Amino acid sequence: DVVSGIIGKSKFCFDIWGDAVNVASRMESSGEPKCTQITIDIYNHLRDEDTCKFNPRANVDIKGKGKFQTYITPKYEYNNDPASPEGRLHVERPSILETLVSMYDEP
């Protein structure tokens, strides 16, 4: 569950709170550069998708949550050529987010 709201008196800010937000933050902070780390729950949704490849990691100690079985993507390749039409990031498969969205958009 996630709770959202607007905070502030003179300068307003939208924010979200909840366990899912905390776990996502821990996945990012305990991951590796140029990789995406996910929990086993997300892995179970994506494991049969041909567009996503994940490698299992040893149990990762997630602050405040304990040991988690996580999975991680291979490192992305960055294209640093400013003249390149691909821009900064070159990924040869749909992003994890695009795959998740397409799964839930299907009737």
N, C-alpha and C. Protein backbone atom coordinates (compact mmCIF):
# COMPACT_ATOMS: atom_id res chain seq x y z
N ASP A 1 0.83 -1.19 0.00
CA ASP A 1 0.00 0.00 0.00
C ASP A 1 0.87 1.24 0.00
N VAL A 2 0.39 2.25 -0.69
CA VAL A 2 1.10 3.52 -0.77
C VAL A 2 0.12 4.63 -0.43
N VAL A 3 0.59 5.60 0.33
CA VAL A 3 -0.21 6.78 0.67
C VAL A 3 0.45 7.97 0.02
N SER A 4 -0.36 8.86 -0.54
CA SER A 4 0.20 10.06 -1.16
C SER A 4 -0.49 11.28 -0.60
N GLY A 5 0.17 12.41 -0.77
CA GLY A 5 -0.42 13.65 -0.28
C GLY A 5 0.40 14.85 -0.66
N ILE A 6 -0.18 15.98 -0.41
CA ILE A 6 0.49 17.26 -0.65
C ILE A 6 0.88 17.82 0.70
N ILE A 7 2.15 18.21 0.82
CA ILE A 7 2.64 18.74 2.08
C ILE A 7 3.15 20.16 1.87
N GLY A 8 3.17 20.92 2.95
CA GLY A 8 3.70 22.27 2.90
C GLY A 8 2.63 23.32 3.18
N LYS A 9 3.08 24.50 3.59
CA LYS A 9 2.17 25.62 3.85
C LYS A 9 2.32 26.72 2.82
N SER A 10 3.56 27.01 2.44
CA SER A 10 3.76 28.07 1.44
C SER A 10 4.34 27.51 0.14
N LYS A 11 5.11 26.47 0.25
CA LYS A 11 5.64 25.79 -0.94
C LYS A 11 5.14 24.36 -0.90
N PHE A 12 4.24 24.02 -1.80
CA PHE A 12 3.60 22.72 -1.77
C PHE A 12 4.44 21.68 -2.50
N CYS A 13 4.34 20.47 -2.03
CA CYS A 13 5.10 19.36 -2.60
C CYS A 13 4.25 18.09 -2.52
N PHE A 14 4.23 17.34 -3.62
CA PHE A 14 3.54 16.07 -3.64
C PHE A 14 4.52 14.99 -3.22
N ASP A 15 4.10 14.07 -2.37
CA ASP A 15 4.99 13.02 -1.91
C ASP A 15 4.20 11.73 -1.73
N ILE A 16 4.92 10.60 -1.72
CA ILE A 16 4.29 9.30 -1.46
C ILE A 16 5.07 8.60 -0.36
N TRP A 17 4.36 7.78 0.43
CA TRP A 17 4.95 7.05 1.54
C TRP A 17 4.41 5.64 1.54
N GLY A 18 5.14 4.74 2.11
CA GLY A 18 4.66 3.38 2.28
C GLY A 18 5.76 2.36 2.11
N ASP A 19 5.44 1.12 2.45
CA ASP A 19 6.40 0.04 2.39
C ASP A 19 6.93 -0.18 0.97
N ALA A 20 6.05 -0.10 -0.03
CA ALA A 20 6.49 -0.30 -1.41
C ALA A 20 7.52 0.75 -1.82
N VAL A 21 7.33 1.98 -1.37
CA VAL A 21 8.27 3.07 -1.68
C VAL A 21 9.60 2.80 -1.00
N ASN A 22 9.55 2.35 0.25
CA ASN A 22 10.78 2.06 1.00
C ASN A 22 11.56 0.92 0.36
N VAL A 23 10.86 -0.15 -0.04
CA VAL A 23 11.54 -1.28 -0.67
C VAL A 23 12.16 -0.85 -2.00
N ALA A 24 11.43 -0.07 -2.80
CA ALA A 24 11.98 0.41 -4.08
C ALA A 24 13.23 1.25 -3.85
N SER A 25 13.21 2.09 -2.84
CA SER A 25 14.39 2.90 -2.52
C SER A 25 15.57 2.02 -2.11
N ARG A 26 15.29 1.00 -1.31
CA ARG A 26 16.36 0.08 -0.89
C ARG A 26 16.90 -0.73 -2.08
N MET A 27 16.03 -1.09 -3.02
CA MET A 27 16.48 -1.81 -4.22
C MET A 27 17.47 -0.95 -5.00
N GLU A 28 17.17 0.33 -5.09
CA GLU A 28 18.05 1.23 -5.83
C GLU A 28 19.38 1.44 -5.08
N SER A 29 19.30 1.69 -3.78
CA SER A 29 20.52 2.02 -3.04
C SER A 29 21.44 0.82 -2.82
N SER A 30 20.89 -0.39 -2.85
CA SER A 30 21.75 -1.56 -2.64
C SER A 30 22.09 -2.26 -3.96
N GLY A 31 21.71 -1.66 -5.07
CA GLY A 31 21.99 -2.24 -6.38
C GLY A 31 23.39 -1.93 -6.86
N GLU A 32 23.61 -2.16 -8.14
CA GLU A 32 24.91 -1.90 -8.76
C GLU A 32 24.74 -0.82 -9.83
N PRO A 33 25.80 -0.05 -10.11
CA PRO A 33 25.72 0.98 -11.14
C PRO A 33 25.31 0.39 -12.50
N LYS A 34 24.49 1.10 -13.22
CA LYS A 34 24.03 0.75 -14.57
C LYS A 34 23.20 -0.53 -14.61
N CYS A 35 22.63 -0.93 -13.47
CA CYS A 35 21.80 -2.13 -13.39
C CYS A 35 20.48 -1.78 -12.71
N THR A 36 19.49 -2.63 -12.90
CA THR A 36 18.22 -2.49 -12.20
C THR A 36 18.04 -3.72 -11.34
N GLN A 37 17.86 -3.50 -10.04
CA GLN A 37 17.66 -4.60 -9.10
C GLN A 37 16.17 -4.68 -8.75
N ILE A 38 15.64 -5.89 -8.70
CA ILE A 38 14.21 -6.07 -8.40
C ILE A 38 14.02 -7.14 -7.33
N THR A 39 12.86 -7.10 -6.68
CA THR A 39 12.52 -8.12 -5.69
C THR A 39 12.02 -9.38 -6.39
N ILE A 40 11.90 -10.45 -5.64
CA ILE A 40 11.42 -11.70 -6.19
C ILE A 40 9.97 -11.57 -6.67
N ASP A 41 9.17 -10.72 -6.03
CA ASP A 41 7.77 -10.52 -6.47
C ASP A 41 7.72 -9.96 -7.89
N ILE A 42 8.54 -8.96 -8.17
CA ILE A 42 8.57 -8.39 -9.52
C ILE A 42 9.17 -9.40 -10.49
N TYR A 43 10.21 -10.10 -10.05
CA TYR A 43 10.81 -11.13 -10.90
C TYR A 43 9.77 -12.17 -11.31
N ASN A 44 8.93 -12.59 -10.39
CA ASN A 44 7.90 -13.59 -10.71
C ASN A 44 6.92 -13.09 -11.77
N HIS A 45 6.68 -11.79 -11.83
CA HIS A 45 5.83 -11.21 -12.88
C HIS A 45 6.54 -11.17 -14.23
N LEU A 46 7.85 -11.01 -14.21
CA LEU A 46 8.60 -10.77 -15.45
C LEU A 46 9.42 -11.95 -15.97
N ARG A 47 9.56 -13.00 -15.21
CA ARG A 47 10.51 -14.06 -15.56
C ARG A 47 10.22 -14.75 -16.88
N ASP A 48 8.97 -14.77 -17.32
CA ASP A 48 8.64 -15.43 -18.59
C ASP A 48 8.66 -14.48 -19.78
N GLU A 49 8.96 -13.22 -19.55
CA GLU A 49 9.03 -12.23 -20.62
C GLU A 49 10.37 -12.36 -21.34
N ASP A 50 10.32 -12.46 -22.66
CA ASP A 50 11.56 -12.56 -23.44
C ASP A 50 12.35 -11.26 -23.44
N THR A 51 11.70 -10.16 -23.13
CA THR A 51 12.36 -8.86 -23.21
C THR A 51 13.18 -8.53 -21.97
N CYS A 52 13.01 -9.30 -20.90
CA CYS A 52 13.70 -9.00 -19.65
C CYS A 52 14.62 -10.15 -19.26
N LYS A 53 15.85 -9.81 -18.95
CA LYS A 53 16.81 -10.81 -18.50
C LYS A 53 17.31 -10.39 -17.13
N PHE A 54 17.29 -11.35 -16.20
CA PHE A 54 17.73 -11.06 -14.84
C PHE A 54 18.67 -12.14 -14.36
N ASN A 55 19.62 -11.75 -13.54
CA ASN A 55 20.53 -12.68 -12.91
C ASN A 55 20.23 -12.69 -11.41
N PRO A 56 20.14 -13.88 -10.80
CA PRO A 56 19.90 -13.90 -9.35
C PRO A 56 21.12 -13.39 -8.60
N ARG A 57 20.85 -12.75 -7.48
CA ARG A 57 21.93 -12.30 -6.59
C ARG A 57 21.83 -13.10 -5.30
N ALA A 58 22.91 -13.17 -4.58
CA ALA A 58 22.86 -13.76 -3.24
C ALA A 58 21.90 -12.91 -2.41
N ASN A 59 21.39 -13.46 -1.33
CA ASN A 59 20.48 -12.68 -0.50
C ASN A 59 21.12 -11.36 -0.13
N VAL A 60 20.39 -10.29 -0.35
CA VAL A 60 20.88 -8.94 -0.08
C VAL A 60 20.24 -8.45 1.20
N ASP A 61 21.05 -7.90 2.10
CA ASP A 61 20.53 -7.36 3.35
C ASP A 61 19.94 -5.98 3.08
N ILE A 62 18.62 -5.88 3.18
CA ILE A 62 17.92 -4.63 2.92
C ILE A 62 17.63 -3.96 4.26
N LYS A 63 18.13 -2.76 4.44
CA LYS A 63 18.00 -2.02 5.70
C LYS A 63 16.54 -1.97 6.15
N GLY A 64 16.31 -2.41 7.37
CA GLY A 64 14.98 -2.37 7.94
C GLY A 64 14.05 -3.49 7.50
N LYS A 65 14.51 -4.35 6.56
CA LYS A 65 13.65 -5.40 6.04
C LYS A 65 14.25 -6.80 6.21
N GLY A 66 15.56 -6.89 6.33
CA GLY A 66 16.21 -8.19 6.45
C GLY A 66 16.77 -8.65 5.11
N LYS A 67 17.01 -9.95 5.00
CA LYS A 67 17.59 -10.52 3.78
C LYS A 67 16.51 -10.73 2.72
N PHE A 68 16.81 -10.30 1.50
CA PHE A 68 15.89 -10.43 0.36
C PHE A 68 16.58 -11.20 -0.75
N GLN A 69 15.85 -12.09 -1.41
CA GLN A 69 16.32 -12.67 -2.67
C GLN A 69 16.03 -11.63 -3.74
N THR A 70 17.04 -11.16 -4.43
CA THR A 70 16.83 -10.15 -5.46
C THR A 70 17.42 -10.65 -6.78
N TYR A 71 17.04 -9.96 -7.82
CA TYR A 71 17.52 -10.24 -9.18
C TYR A 71 18.00 -8.93 -9.77
N ILE A 72 18.93 -9.01 -10.70
CA ILE A 72 19.51 -7.79 -11.26
C ILE A 72 19.68 -7.94 -12.77
N THR A 73 19.51 -6.84 -13.49
CA THR A 73 19.68 -6.86 -14.94
C THR A 73 21.17 -6.82 -15.27
N PRO A 74 21.54 -7.30 -16.45
CA PRO A 74 22.91 -7.06 -16.91
C PRO A 74 23.13 -5.54 -17.04
N LYS A 75 24.36 -5.10 -17.02
CA LYS A 75 24.65 -3.67 -17.12
C LYS A 75 24.22 -3.12 -18.46
N TYR A 76 23.62 -1.93 -18.42
CA TYR A 76 23.23 -1.23 -19.64
C TYR A 76 24.46 -0.63 -20.30
N GLU A 77 24.40 -0.49 -21.60
CA GLU A 77 25.49 0.17 -22.32
C GLU A 77 25.09 1.61 -22.59
N TYR A 78 25.95 2.53 -22.21
CA TYR A 78 25.69 3.94 -22.43
C TYR A 78 26.43 4.42 -23.67
N ASN A 79 25.76 5.24 -24.46
CA ASN A 79 26.35 5.82 -25.65
C ASN A 79 26.68 7.28 -25.32
N ASN A 80 27.94 7.60 -25.20
CA ASN A 80 28.36 8.94 -24.81
C ASN A 80 28.56 9.88 -25.99
N ASP A 81 28.25 9.44 -27.20
CA ASP A 81 28.42 10.27 -28.38
C ASP A 81 27.25 11.26 -28.46
N PRO A 82 27.48 12.57 -28.25
CA PRO A 82 26.38 13.53 -28.27
C PRO A 82 25.69 13.64 -29.63
N ALA A 83 26.37 13.23 -30.69
CA ALA A 83 25.76 13.29 -32.03
C ALA A 83 24.91 12.06 -32.32
N SER A 84 24.92 11.09 -31.43
CA SER A 84 24.18 9.85 -31.65
C SER A 84 22.68 10.09 -31.58
N PRO A 85 21.91 9.51 -32.52
CA PRO A 85 20.45 9.67 -32.47
C PRO A 85 19.83 8.96 -31.27
N GLU A 86 20.52 7.98 -30.68
CA GLU A 86 19.97 7.27 -29.53
C GLU A 86 20.05 8.09 -28.25
N GLY A 87 20.87 9.12 -28.23
CA GLY A 87 21.01 9.92 -27.03
C GLY A 87 21.96 9.27 -26.05
N ARG A 88 21.66 9.43 -24.78
CA ARG A 88 22.58 8.99 -23.73
C ARG A 88 22.53 7.49 -23.45
N LEU A 89 21.35 6.90 -23.50
CA LEU A 89 21.22 5.51 -23.09
C LEU A 89 20.78 4.65 -24.26
N HIS A 90 21.49 3.58 -24.48
CA HIS A 90 21.13 2.66 -25.56
C HIS A 90 20.75 1.32 -24.94
N VAL A 91 19.49 0.95 -25.03
CA VAL A 91 19.00 -0.31 -24.51
C VAL A 91 18.33 -1.04 -25.66
N GLU A 92 18.73 -2.27 -25.91
CA GLU A 92 18.21 -3.00 -27.06
C GLU A 92 16.94 -3.77 -26.77
N ARG A 93 16.34 -3.57 -25.61
CA ARG A 93 15.08 -4.23 -25.28
C ARG A 93 14.19 -3.23 -24.54
N PRO A 94 12.87 -3.49 -24.49
CA PRO A 94 12.00 -2.56 -23.75
C PRO A 94 12.42 -2.49 -22.29
N SER A 95 12.15 -1.36 -21.67
CA SER A 95 12.51 -1.21 -20.27
C SER A 95 11.61 -2.09 -19.41
N ILE A 96 12.04 -2.33 -18.19
CA ILE A 96 11.25 -3.12 -17.25
C ILE A 96 9.91 -2.46 -17.03
N LEU A 97 9.91 -1.14 -16.90
CA LEU A 97 8.66 -0.41 -16.68
C LEU A 97 7.72 -0.59 -17.87
N GLU A 98 8.23 -0.48 -19.10
CA GLU A 98 7.39 -0.68 -20.29
C GLU A 98 6.79 -2.08 -20.30
N THR A 99 7.56 -3.08 -19.91
CA THR A 99 7.06 -4.46 -19.88
C THR A 99 5.97 -4.62 -18.84
N LEU A 100 6.19 -4.06 -17.64
CA LEU A 100 5.16 -4.15 -16.59
C LEU A 100 3.87 -3.45 -17.01
N VAL A 101 3.99 -2.26 -17.58
CA VAL A 101 2.81 -1.51 -18.01
C VAL A 101 2.06 -2.29 -19.07
N SER A 102 2.76 -2.87 -20.03
CA SER A 102 2.09 -3.61 -21.10
C SER A 102 1.38 -4.84 -20.54
N MET A 103 1.92 -5.46 -19.49
CA MET A 103 1.28 -6.61 -18.89
C MET A 103 -0.06 -6.24 -18.26
N TYR A 104 -0.12 -5.07 -17.64
CA TYR A 104 -1.34 -4.66 -16.96
C TYR A 104 -2.31 -3.93 -17.90
N ASP A 105 -1.86 -3.52 -19.07
CA ASP A 105 -2.74 -2.87 -20.04
C ASP A 105 -3.55 -3.88 -20.84
N GLU A 106 -3.09 -5.14 -20.86
CA GLU A 106 -3.79 -6.16 -21.65
C GLU A 106 -5.13 -6.47 -21.02
N PRO A 107 -6.17 -6.72 -21.86
CA PRO A 107 -7.52 -7.01 -21.30
C PRO A 107 -7.58 -8.33 -20.57
